[in-house]
C-alpha cells in the first residue's frame, strides 16, 4: 500500500484548466483560466505547487502531507477543515484524478452555516486533450449503479472496502426516488427536481441539495451545516456514460471530520 506522500506524487505535472464559481442555485458567477504546476525539487522530499491565475502566482511547498488532507492511491484527494466551529466559515475540496484529467470541487459555507459558493476546477495535463463531458442531467443518472467503496480515515487506520448499490428513478409525480445500499444497510429518500438542483427536502431541518454542473460533475451539500448533527459533503463525476465516481467527506455530530470515501460505480445495463 502506498504512503500518503506517494499518493500525493500521483498529481505531479502541469495541469491546465479553469476555476468556475457558481452560486448555490447554480448561477455561473465567473470563469478564470488557470495553470497549476506540481514539481519535485532536486529529487528531494519536497514538492513545489505553483498556481497561476488572473496574472498572479500562488506558491506552496510541501515536504509532507496530513492535517485535513487525505489521498487515495490513484492521487484523488480531499482537503478541508477538520472541525466545524461555531460562527466560523467552513469548507472542503473533493478532487478526482482519472488518466490525464482532474476534476476538483470546492464547497464553501458562510459563518451561519449556509452554503454560499461552489468552485468547479476542471484540469487536464498540459499537451493532452481537454475532453470534457456535457453538463450533468438527471437522465444521465437514472437506473441502477453497482460499485465498490473505499473508506480511509484521518488517523490512517486500515481502510474499509464494501460493495454499493445506488438506484435512481422517477415516480409518477416526477419526484426522484433514491435508494442507496451499502454494508447491509439500505437508505431510501425522495427529492424534488428544480432545474439543475435536486432537493432532498423530507426533513426541513436536514435538507440536502445536489447541483448538476458542467463536465458531468455534481455537488451534494447540506443546505446548512450545523453542530450536533452529522453531515457530509460529496462530489460526483460521470467519467463515461456508465462509469461514475463519488467522493464523500463525512463529519460527526461534534463537527469532527471522521472519514473520506471514494465510490467507483458502473451502471447496470
C-alpha atoms as a PDB file:
ATOM      1  CA  UNK A   1       0.000   0.000   0.000  1.00  0.00           C
ATOM      2  CA  UNK A   2       1.357   3.421  -0.966  1.00  0.00           C
ATOM      3  CA  UNK A   3       2.197   6.020   1.649  1.00  0.00           C
ATOM      4  CA  UNK A   4       0.217   9.272   1.660  1.00  0.00           C
ATOM      5  CA  UNK A   5       3.273  11.025   0.180  1.00  0.00           C
ATOM      6  CA  UNK A   6       3.470   8.510  -2.682  1.00  0.00           C
ATOM      7  CA  UNK A   7      -0.248   9.030  -3.351  1.00  0.00           C
ATOM      8  CA  UNK A   8       0.317  12.801  -3.425  1.00  0.00           C
ATOM      9  CA  UNK A   9       3.045  12.329  -6.062  1.00  0.00           C
ATOM     10  CA  UNK A  10       0.441  10.896  -8.465  1.00  0.00           C
ATOM     11  CA  UNK A  11      -0.538  14.550  -9.024  1.00  0.00           C
ATOM     12  CA  UNK A  12       2.866  15.713 -10.313  1.00  0.00           C
ATOM     13  CA  UNK A  13       2.746  17.577 -13.622  1.00  0.00           C
ATOM     14  CA  UNK A  14       1.415  20.746 -15.211  1.00  0.00           C
ATOM     15  CA  UNK A  15      -2.379  20.957 -15.056  1.00  0.00           C
ATOM     16  CA  UNK A  16      -4.164  23.444 -17.318  1.00  0.00           C
ATOM     17  CA  UNK A  17      -7.804  24.349 -16.850  1.00  0.00           C
ATOM     18  CA  UNK A  18     -10.126  26.811 -15.171  1.00  0.00           C
ATOM     19  CA  UNK A  19     -11.738  27.808 -11.878  1.00  0.00           C
ATOM     20  CA  UNK A  20     -15.504  28.322 -12.320  1.00  0.00           C
ATOM     21  CA  UNK A  21     -17.520  29.898  -9.500  1.00  0.00           C
ATOM     22  CA  UNK A  22     -21.209  29.080  -9.031  1.00  0.00           C
ATOM     23  CA  UNK A  23     -23.868  30.340  -6.649  1.00  0.00           C
ATOM     24  CA  UNK A  24     -25.700  27.700  -4.555  1.00  0.00           C
ATOM     25  CA  UNK A  25     -28.535  27.998  -7.113  1.00  0.00           C
ATOM     26  CA  UNK A  26     -26.195  27.079  -9.973  1.00  0.00           C
ATOM     27  CA  UNK A  27     -25.702  30.556 -11.449  1.00  0.00           C
ATOM     28  CA  UNK A  28     -22.292  30.879 -13.124  1.00  0.00           C
ATOM     29  CA  UNK A  29     -20.513  33.804 -11.424  1.00  0.00           C
ATOM     30  CA  UNK A  30     -17.131  33.805 -13.172  1.00  0.00           C
ATOM     31  CA  UNK A  31     -14.674  31.573 -15.007  1.00  0.00           C
ATOM     32  CA  UNK A  32     -10.904  32.054 -14.714  1.00  0.00           C
ATOM     33  CA  UNK A  33      -8.255  30.166 -16.748  1.00  0.00           C
ATOM     34  CA  UNK A  34      -5.595  28.519 -14.593  1.00  0.00           C
ATOM     35  CA  UNK A  35      -2.313  26.651 -14.755  1.00  0.00           C
ATOM     36  CA  UNK A  36      -1.161  24.591 -11.781  1.00  0.00           C
ATOM     37  CA  UNK A  37       2.316  23.070 -11.653  1.00  0.00           C
ATOM     38  CA  UNK A  38       3.386  20.397  -9.157  1.00  0.00           C
ATOM     39  CA  UNK A  39       7.111  19.643  -9.411  1.00  0.00           C
ATOM     40  CA  UNK A  40       9.706  17.713  -7.451  1.00  0.00           C
ATOM     41  CA  UNK A  41      12.553  19.925  -6.258  1.00  0.00           C
ATOM     42  CA  UNK A  42      16.019  18.452  -6.957  1.00  0.00           C
ATOM     43  CA  UNK A  43      14.810  14.912  -6.263  1.00  0.00           C
ATOM     44  CA  UNK A  44      14.352  15.947  -2.656  1.00  0.00           C
ATOM     45  CA  UNK A  45      11.474  15.182  -0.339  1.00  0.00           C
ATOM     46  CA  UNK A  46       9.889  18.459  -1.367  1.00  0.00           C
ATOM     47  CA  UNK A  47       7.245  19.419  -3.927  1.00  0.00           C
ATOM     48  CA  UNK A  48       6.506  22.934  -5.135  1.00  0.00           C
ATOM     49  CA  UNK A  49       2.980  23.926  -6.162  1.00  0.00           C
ATOM     50  CA  UNK A  50       2.644  26.984  -8.396  1.00  0.00           C
ATOM     51  CA  UNK A  51      -0.867  28.172  -9.272  1.00  0.00           C
ATOM     52  CA  UNK A  52      -1.089  30.859 -11.966  1.00  0.00           C
ATOM     53  CA  UNK A  53      -4.461  32.565 -12.202  1.00  0.00           C
ATOM     54  CA  UNK A  54      -5.526  36.103 -13.202  1.00  0.00           C
ATOM     55  CA  UNK A  55      -1.894  37.112 -13.697  1.00  0.00           C
ATOM     56  CA  UNK A  56      -0.923  36.159 -10.144  1.00  0.00           C
ATOM     57  CA  UNK A  57       1.126  33.237  -8.845  1.00  0.00           C
ATOM     58  CA  UNK A  58       0.457  31.394  -5.601  1.00  0.00           C
ATOM     59  CA  UNK A  59       3.353  29.188  -4.455  1.00  0.00           C
ATOM     60  CA  UNK A  60       3.270  26.487  -1.769  1.00  0.00           C
ATOM     61  CA  UNK A  61       5.938  23.959  -0.868  1.00  0.00           C
ATOM     62  CA  UNK A  62       5.261  20.545   0.649  1.00  0.00           C
ATOM     63  CA  UNK A  63       7.621  18.123   2.364  1.00  0.00           C
ATOM     64  CA  UNK A  64       4.812  16.145   3.975  1.00  0.00           C
ATOM     65  CA  UNK A  65       1.044  15.844   3.796  1.00  0.00           C
ATOM     66  CA  UNK A  66      -1.527  15.482   6.543  1.00  0.00           C
ATOM     67  CA  UNK A  67      -3.858  17.577   8.642  1.00  0.00           C
ATOM     68  CA  UNK A  68      -7.104  17.985   6.747  1.00  0.00           C
ATOM     69  CA  UNK A  69      -5.661  16.402   3.586  1.00  0.00           C
ATOM     70  CA  UNK A  70      -6.040  12.729   2.591  1.00  0.00           C
ATOM     71  CA  UNK A  71      -5.146  10.916  -0.650  1.00  0.00           C
ATOM     72  CA  UNK A  72      -6.299   7.742  -2.354  1.00  0.00           C
ATOM     73  CA  UNK A  73      -3.772   5.556  -4.183  1.00  0.00           C
ATOM     74  CA  UNK A  74      -4.598   6.944  -7.650  1.00  0.00           C
ATOM     75  CA  UNK A  75      -3.955  10.514  -6.448  1.00  0.00           C
ATOM     76  CA  UNK A  76      -7.587  11.520  -5.854  1.00  0.00           C
ATOM     77  CA  UNK A  77      -7.835  13.525  -2.636  1.00  0.00           C
ATOM     78  CA  UNK A  78      -9.788  15.771  -0.315  1.00  0.00           C
ATOM     79  CA  UNK A  79      -8.649  18.766   1.697  1.00  0.00           C
ATOM     80  CA  UNK A  80     -10.682  20.777   4.169  1.00  0.00           C
ATOM     81  CA  UNK A  81     -11.283  21.802   7.737  1.00  0.00           C
ATOM     82  CA  UNK A  82     -11.029  19.011  10.291  1.00  0.00           C
ATOM     83  CA  UNK A  83     -13.539  20.679  12.616  1.00  0.00           C
ATOM     84  CA  UNK A  84     -16.748  22.657  12.141  1.00  0.00           C
ATOM     85  CA  UNK A  85     -16.689  25.561  14.574  1.00  0.00           C
ATOM     86  CA  UNK A  86     -19.473  27.865  15.770  1.00  0.00           C
ATOM     87  CA  UNK A  87     -19.828  31.190  13.910  1.00  0.00           C
ATOM     88  CA  UNK A  88     -16.945  30.413  11.553  1.00  0.00           C
ATOM     89  CA  UNK A  89     -16.690  29.794   7.836  1.00  0.00           C
ATOM     90  CA  UNK A  90     -16.429  26.190   6.689  1.00  0.00           C
ATOM     91  CA  UNK A  91     -15.381  24.432   3.506  1.00  0.00           C
ATOM     92  CA  UNK A  92     -13.789  21.483   1.794  1.00  0.00           C
ATOM     93  CA  UNK A  93     -12.375  20.327  -1.533  1.00  0.00           C
ATOM     94  CA  UNK A  94     -13.018  16.973  -3.221  1.00  0.00           C
ATOM     95  CA  UNK A  95     -10.720  16.088  -6.125  1.00  0.00           C
ATOM     96  CA  UNK A  96     -10.757  13.243  -8.659  1.00  0.00           C
ATOM     97  CA  UNK A  97      -7.845  12.100 -10.823  1.00  0.00           C
ATOM     98  CA  UNK A  98      -8.587   9.987 -13.911  1.00  0.00           C
ATOM     99  CA  UNK A  99      -5.975   9.384 -16.616  1.00  0.00           C
ATOM    100  CA  UNK A 100      -4.967  12.860 -17.908  1.00  0.00           C
ATOM    101  CA  UNK A 101      -7.854  14.682 -16.208  1.00  0.00           C
ATOM    102  CA  UNK A 102      -8.575  16.126 -12.794  1.00  0.00           C
ATOM    103  CA  UNK A 103     -11.926  17.394 -11.577  1.00  0.00           C
ATOM    104  CA  UNK A 104     -11.979  19.281  -8.286  1.00  0.00           C
ATOM    105  CA  UNK A 105     -14.891  20.783  -6.389  1.00  0.00           C
ATOM    106  CA  UNK A 106     -14.729  23.256  -3.502  1.00  0.00           C
ATOM    107  CA  UNK A 107     -17.800  23.835  -1.307  1.00  0.00           C
ATOM    108  CA  UNK A 108     -17.859  26.958   0.895  1.00  0.00           C
ATOM    109  CA  UNK A 109     -20.249  27.813   3.745  1.00  0.00           C
ATOM    110  CA  UNK A 110     -20.660  31.174   5.500  1.00  0.00           C
ATOM    111  CA  UNK A 111     -20.481  31.936   9.238  1.00  0.00           C
ATOM    112  CA  UNK A 112     -24.157  30.989   9.693  1.00  0.00           C
ATOM    113  CA  UNK A 113     -23.548  27.572   8.107  1.00  0.00           C
ATOM    114  CA  UNK A 114     -25.364  28.383   4.858  1.00  0.00           C
ATOM    115  CA  UNK A 115     -23.912  27.137   1.573  1.00  0.00           C
ATOM    116  CA  UNK A 116     -22.540  30.272  -0.107  1.00  0.00           C
ATOM    117  CA  UNK A 117     -20.451  29.249  -3.128  1.00  0.00           C
ATOM    118  CA  UNK A 118     -19.136  26.340  -5.193  1.00  0.00           C
ATOM    119  CA  UNK A 119     -15.929  26.326  -7.236  1.00  0.00           C
ATOM    120  CA  UNK A 120     -15.561  23.765 -10.025  1.00  0.00           C
ATOM    121  CA  UNK A 121     -11.970  23.226 -11.190  1.00  0.00           C
ATOM    122  CA  UNK A 122     -11.553  21.311 -14.459  1.00  0.00           C
ATOM    123  CA  UNK A 123      -7.987  20.423 -15.433  1.00  0.00           C
ATOM    124  CA  UNK A 124      -6.015  18.334 -17.907  1.00  0.00           C
ATOM    125  CA  UNK A 125      -2.309  17.599 -18.178  1.00  0.00           C
ATOM    126  CA  UNK A 126      -0.547  20.065 -20.474  1.00  0.00           C
ATOM    127  CA  UNK A 127      -0.221  18.869 -24.101  1.00  0.00           C
ATOM    128  CA  UNK A 128      -3.060  16.333 -23.702  1.00  0.00           C
ATOM    129  CA  UNK A 129      -6.704  16.608 -24.871  1.00  0.00           C
ATOM    130  CA  UNK A 130      -9.120  18.508 -22.636  1.00  0.00           C
ATOM    131  CA  UNK A 131     -12.004  16.121 -23.267  1.00  0.00           C
ATOM    132  CA  UNK A 132     -14.945  17.334 -21.197  1.00  0.00           C
ATOM    133  CA  UNK A 133     -18.397  15.875 -20.752  1.00  0.00           C
ATOM    134  CA  UNK A 134     -21.608  17.920 -21.049  1.00  0.00           C
ATOM    135  CA  UNK A 135     -23.373  19.406 -18.029  1.00  0.00           C
ATOM    136  CA  UNK A 136     -24.899  16.617 -15.950  1.00  0.00           C
ATOM    137  CA  UNK A 137     -28.630  15.906 -16.387  1.00  0.00           C
ATOM    138  CA  UNK A 138     -30.942  13.789 -14.246  1.00  0.00           C
ATOM    139  CA  UNK A 139     -31.425  11.289 -17.085  1.00  0.00           C
ATOM    140  CA  UNK A 140     -27.667  10.615 -17.030  1.00  0.00           C
ATOM    141  CA  UNK A 141     -28.060   9.039 -13.593  1.00  0.00           C
ATOM    142  CA  UNK A 142     -31.348   7.130 -13.758  1.00  0.00           C
ATOM    143  CA  UNK A 143     -31.094   3.377 -13.287  1.00  0.00           C
ATOM    144  CA  UNK A 144     -29.105   1.070 -11.040  1.00  0.00           C
ATOM    145  CA  UNK A 145     -25.409   1.565 -10.328  1.00  0.00           C
ATOM    146  CA  UNK A 146     -23.245  -1.104  -8.710  1.00  0.00           C
ATOM    147  CA  UNK A 147     -19.903  -0.218  -7.231  1.00  0.00           C
ATOM    148  CA  UNK A 148     -17.114  -0.562  -4.734  1.00  0.00           C
ATOM    149  CA  UNK A 149     -16.459   1.895  -1.923  1.00  0.00           C
ATOM    150  CA  UNK A 150     -13.149   2.534  -0.185  1.00  0.00           C
ATOM    151  CA  UNK A 151     -13.187   4.485   3.087  1.00  0.00           C
ATOM    152  CA  UNK A 152      -9.985   5.935   4.531  1.00  0.00           C
ATOM    153  CA  UNK A 153      -9.528   7.730   7.840  1.00  0.00           C
ATOM    154  CA  UNK A 154      -7.619  10.778   9.131  1.00  0.00           C
ATOM    155  CA  UNK A 155      -5.814   8.604  11.718  1.00  0.00           C
ATOM    156  CA  UNK A 156      -4.607   6.325   8.854  1.00  0.00           C
ATOM    157  CA  UNK A 157      -6.109   3.168  10.361  1.00  0.00           C
ATOM    158  CA  UNK A 158      -6.791   0.296   7.942  1.00  0.00           C
ATOM    159  CA  UNK A 159      -9.217   1.270   5.152  1.00  0.00           C
ATOM    160  CA  UNK A 160     -12.649  -0.324   4.791  1.00  0.00           C
ATOM    161  CA  UNK A 161     -13.975  -1.655   1.475  1.00  0.00           C
ATOM    162  CA  UNK A 162     -17.526  -2.709   0.663  1.00  0.00           C
ATOM    163  CA  UNK A 163     -19.959  -3.127  -2.225  1.00  0.00           C
ATOM    164  CA  UNK A 164     -22.588  -0.498  -3.007  1.00  0.00           C
ATOM    165  CA  UNK A 165     -25.830  -0.287  -4.973  1.00  0.00           C
ATOM    166  CA  UNK A 166     -27.263   3.084  -5.975  1.00  0.00           C
ATOM    167  CA  UNK A 167     -30.711   3.313  -7.627  1.00  0.00           C
ATOM    168  CA  UNK A 168     -32.397   6.417  -9.024  1.00  0.00           C
ATOM    169  CA  UNK A 169     -35.889   6.518 -10.515  1.00  0.00           C
ATOM    170  CA  UNK A 170     -38.724   8.977 -11.070  1.00  0.00           C
ATOM    171  CA  UNK A 171     -42.213   8.333  -9.696  1.00  0.00           C
ATOM    172  CA  UNK A 172     -45.449   9.212 -11.490  1.00  0.00           C
ATOM    173  CA  UNK A 173     -45.465  12.673  -9.891  1.00  0.00           C
ATOM    174  CA  UNK A 174     -41.956  13.445 -11.159  1.00  0.00           C
ATOM    175  CA  UNK A 175     -40.287  13.170  -7.747  1.00  0.00           C
ATOM    176  CA  UNK A 176     -36.943  11.438  -7.553  1.00  0.00           C
ATOM    177  CA  UNK A 177     -36.630   8.247  -5.513  1.00  0.00           C
ATOM    178  CA  UNK A 178     -33.100   7.366  -4.423  1.00  0.00           C
ATOM    179  CA  UNK A 179     -32.096   4.083  -2.817  1.00  0.00           C
ATOM    180  CA  UNK A 180     -28.555   3.527  -1.540  1.00  0.00           C
ATOM    181  CA  UNK A 181     -27.370   0.154  -0.222  1.00  0.00           C
ATOM    182  CA  UNK A 182     -24.017  -0.467   1.478  1.00  0.00           C
ATOM    183  CA  UNK A 183     -22.666  -2.542   4.354  1.00  0.00           C
ATOM    184  CA  UNK A 184     -26.021  -4.351   4.710  1.00  0.00           C
ATOM    185  CA  UNK A 185     -27.900  -1.052   5.080  1.00  0.00           C
ATOM    186  CA  UNK A 186     -30.403   0.481   2.662  1.00  0.00           C
ATOM    187  CA  UNK A 187     -31.420   4.145   2.788  1.00  0.00           C
ATOM    188  CA  UNK A 188     -34.319   5.375   0.647  1.00  0.00           C
ATOM    189  CA  UNK A 189     -35.161   9.054   0.218  1.00  0.00           C
ATOM    190  CA  UNK A 190     -37.162  11.265  -2.126  1.00  0.00           C
ATOM    191  CA  UNK A 191     -36.366  14.610  -3.699  1.00  0.00           C
ATOM    192  CA  UNK A 192     -37.847  17.434  -5.739  1.00  0.00           C
ATOM    193  CA  UNK A 193     -36.193  18.381  -9.042  1.00  0.00           C
ATOM    194  CA  UNK A 194     -35.935  22.132  -9.668  1.00  0.00           C
ATOM    195  CA  UNK A 195     -33.908  22.812 -12.812  1.00  0.00           C
ATOM    196  CA  UNK A 196     -30.248  21.963 -12.110  1.00  0.00           C
ATOM    197  CA  UNK A 197     -30.990  21.269  -8.418  1.00  0.00           C
ATOM    198  CA  UNK A 198     -32.276  18.107  -6.770  1.00  0.00           C
ATOM    199  CA  UNK A 199     -33.545  18.951  -3.266  1.00  0.00           C
ATOM    200  CA  UNK A 200     -33.918  16.213  -0.652  1.00  0.00           C
ATOM    201  CA  UNK A 201     -36.489  18.036   1.469  1.00  0.00           C
ATOM    202  CA  UNK A 202     -38.229  15.338   3.525  1.00  0.00           C
ATOM    203  CA  UNK A 203     -36.696  16.709   6.741  1.00  0.00           C
ATOM    204  CA  UNK A 204     -36.837  20.544   6.776  1.00  0.00           C
ATOM    205  CA  UNK A 205     -34.036  20.605   9.386  1.00  0.00           C
ATOM    206  CA  UNK A 206     -31.660  18.463   7.305  1.00  0.00           C
ATOM    207  CA  UNK A 207     -32.218  19.474   3.700  1.00  0.00           C
ATOM    208  CA  UNK A 208     -29.577  18.325   1.224  1.00  0.00           C
ATOM    209  CA  UNK A 209     -29.218  19.586  -2.333  1.00  0.00           C
ATOM    210  CA  UNK A 210     -27.499  18.134  -5.391  1.00  0.00           C
ATOM    211  CA  UNK A 211     -26.398  20.654  -8.020  1.00  0.00           C
ATOM    212  CA  UNK A 212     -25.681  19.458 -11.572  1.00  0.00           C
ATOM    213  CA  UNK A 213     -22.580  21.064 -13.071  1.00  0.00           C
ATOM    214  CA  UNK A 214     -20.522  21.056 -16.308  1.00  0.00           C
ATOM    215  CA  UNK A 215     -18.225  18.150 -17.243  1.00  0.00           C
ATOM    216  CA  UNK A 216     -20.569  15.556 -15.744  1.00  0.00           C
ATOM    217  CA  UNK A 217     -19.986  16.905 -12.240  1.00  0.00           C
ATOM    218  CA  UNK A 218     -22.363  17.122  -9.293  1.00  0.00           C
ATOM    219  CA  UNK A 219     -22.134  18.750  -5.866  1.00  0.00           C
ATOM    220  CA  UNK A 220     -24.057  17.301  -2.914  1.00  0.00           C
ATOM    221  CA  UNK A 221     -24.251  19.719   0.008  1.00  0.00           C
ATOM    222  CA  UNK A 222     -26.232  20.312   3.177  1.00  0.00           C
ATOM    223  CA  UNK A 223     -28.277  23.466   2.642  1.00  0.00           C
ATOM    224  CA  UNK A 224     -26.943  24.384   6.091  1.00  0.00           C
ATOM    225  CA  UNK A 225     -24.198  22.772   8.187  1.00  0.00           C
ATOM    226  CA  UNK A 226     -24.811  22.839  11.921  1.00  0.00           C
ATOM    227  CA  UNK A 227     -23.297  21.454  15.077  1.00  0.00           C
ATOM    228  CA  UNK A 228     -24.877  18.487  16.875  1.00  0.00           C
ATOM    229  CA  UNK A 229     -25.855  16.982  13.515  1.00  0.00           C
ATOM    230  CA  UNK A 230     -23.659  14.644  11.469  1.00  0.00           C
ATOM    231  CA  UNK A 231     -23.284  15.750   7.848  1.00  0.00           C
ATOM    232  CA  UNK A 232     -21.271  15.163   4.687  1.00  0.00           C
ATOM    233  CA  UNK A 233     -20.215  16.937   1.531  1.00  0.00           C
ATOM    234  CA  UNK A 234     -19.971  14.976  -1.706  1.00  0.00           C
ATOM    235  CA  UNK A 235     -18.790  15.405  -5.283  1.00  0.00           C
ATOM    236  CA  UNK A 236     -19.672  13.191  -8.228  1.00  0.00           C
ATOM    237  CA  UNK A 237     -18.055  12.811 -11.645  1.00  0.00           C
ATOM    238  CA  UNK A 238     -19.639  10.996 -14.584  1.00  0.00           C
ATOM    239  CA  UNK A 239     -16.395   9.958 -16.291  1.00  0.00           C
ATOM    240  CA  UNK A 240     -18.127   7.922 -19.002  1.00  0.00           C
ATOM    241  CA  UNK A 241     -21.854   7.384 -19.687  1.00  0.00           C
ATOM    242  CA  UNK A 242     -21.882   4.264 -17.485  1.00  0.00           C
ATOM    243  CA  UNK A 243     -18.917   4.971 -15.172  1.00  0.00           C
ATOM    244  CA  UNK A 244     -19.157   7.365 -12.243  1.00  0.00           C
ATOM    245  CA  UNK A 245     -17.145   8.196  -9.142  1.00  0.00           C
ATOM    246  CA  UNK A 246     -18.363   9.847  -5.961  1.00  0.00           C
ATOM    247  CA  UNK A 247     -16.290  11.173  -3.063  1.00  0.00           C
ATOM    248  CA  UNK A 248     -17.806  11.760   0.375  1.00  0.00           C
ATOM    249  CA  UNK A 249     -16.192  13.715   3.230  1.00  0.00           C
ATOM    250  CA  UNK A 250     -18.049  12.885   6.473  1.00  0.00           C
ATOM    251  CA  UNK A 251     -18.323  14.717   9.804  1.00  0.00           C
ATOM    252  CA  UNK A 252     -19.834  13.501  13.090  1.00  0.00           C
ATOM    253  CA  UNK A 253     -22.306  15.230  15.408  1.00  0.00           C
ATOM    254  CA  UNK A 254     -19.410  17.048  17.137  1.00  0.00           C
ATOM    255  CA  UNK A 255     -18.398  18.602  13.809  1.00  0.00           C
ATOM    256  CA  UNK A 256     -15.239  16.460  13.619  1.00  0.00           C
ATOM    257  CA  UNK A 257     -14.011  15.123  10.280  1.00  0.00           C
ATOM    258  CA  UNK A 258     -14.146  11.332  10.570  1.00  0.00           C
ATOM    259  CA  UNK A 259     -13.687   9.725   7.133  1.00  0.00           C
ATOM    260  CA  UNK A 260     -13.276  10.033   3.373  1.00  0.00           C
ATOM    261  CA  UNK A 261     -14.939   7.609   0.947  1.00  0.00           C
ATOM    262  CA  UNK A 262     -14.382   7.044  -2.777  1.00  0.00           C
ATOM    263  CA  UNK A 263     -17.098   5.117  -4.630  1.00  0.00           C
ATOM    264  CA  UNK A 264     -16.479   3.797  -8.153  1.00  0.00           C
ATOM    265  CA  UNK A 265     -19.689   2.560  -9.749  1.00  0.00           C
ATOM    266  CA  UNK A 266     -20.942   1.283 -13.091  1.00  0.00           C
ATOM    267  CA  UNK A 267     -24.480   1.455 -14.392  1.00  0.00           C
ATOM    268  CA  UNK A 268     -26.146  -1.928 -14.690  1.00  0.00           C
ATOM    269  CA  UNK A 269     -27.257  -2.351 -18.298  1.00  0.00           C
END
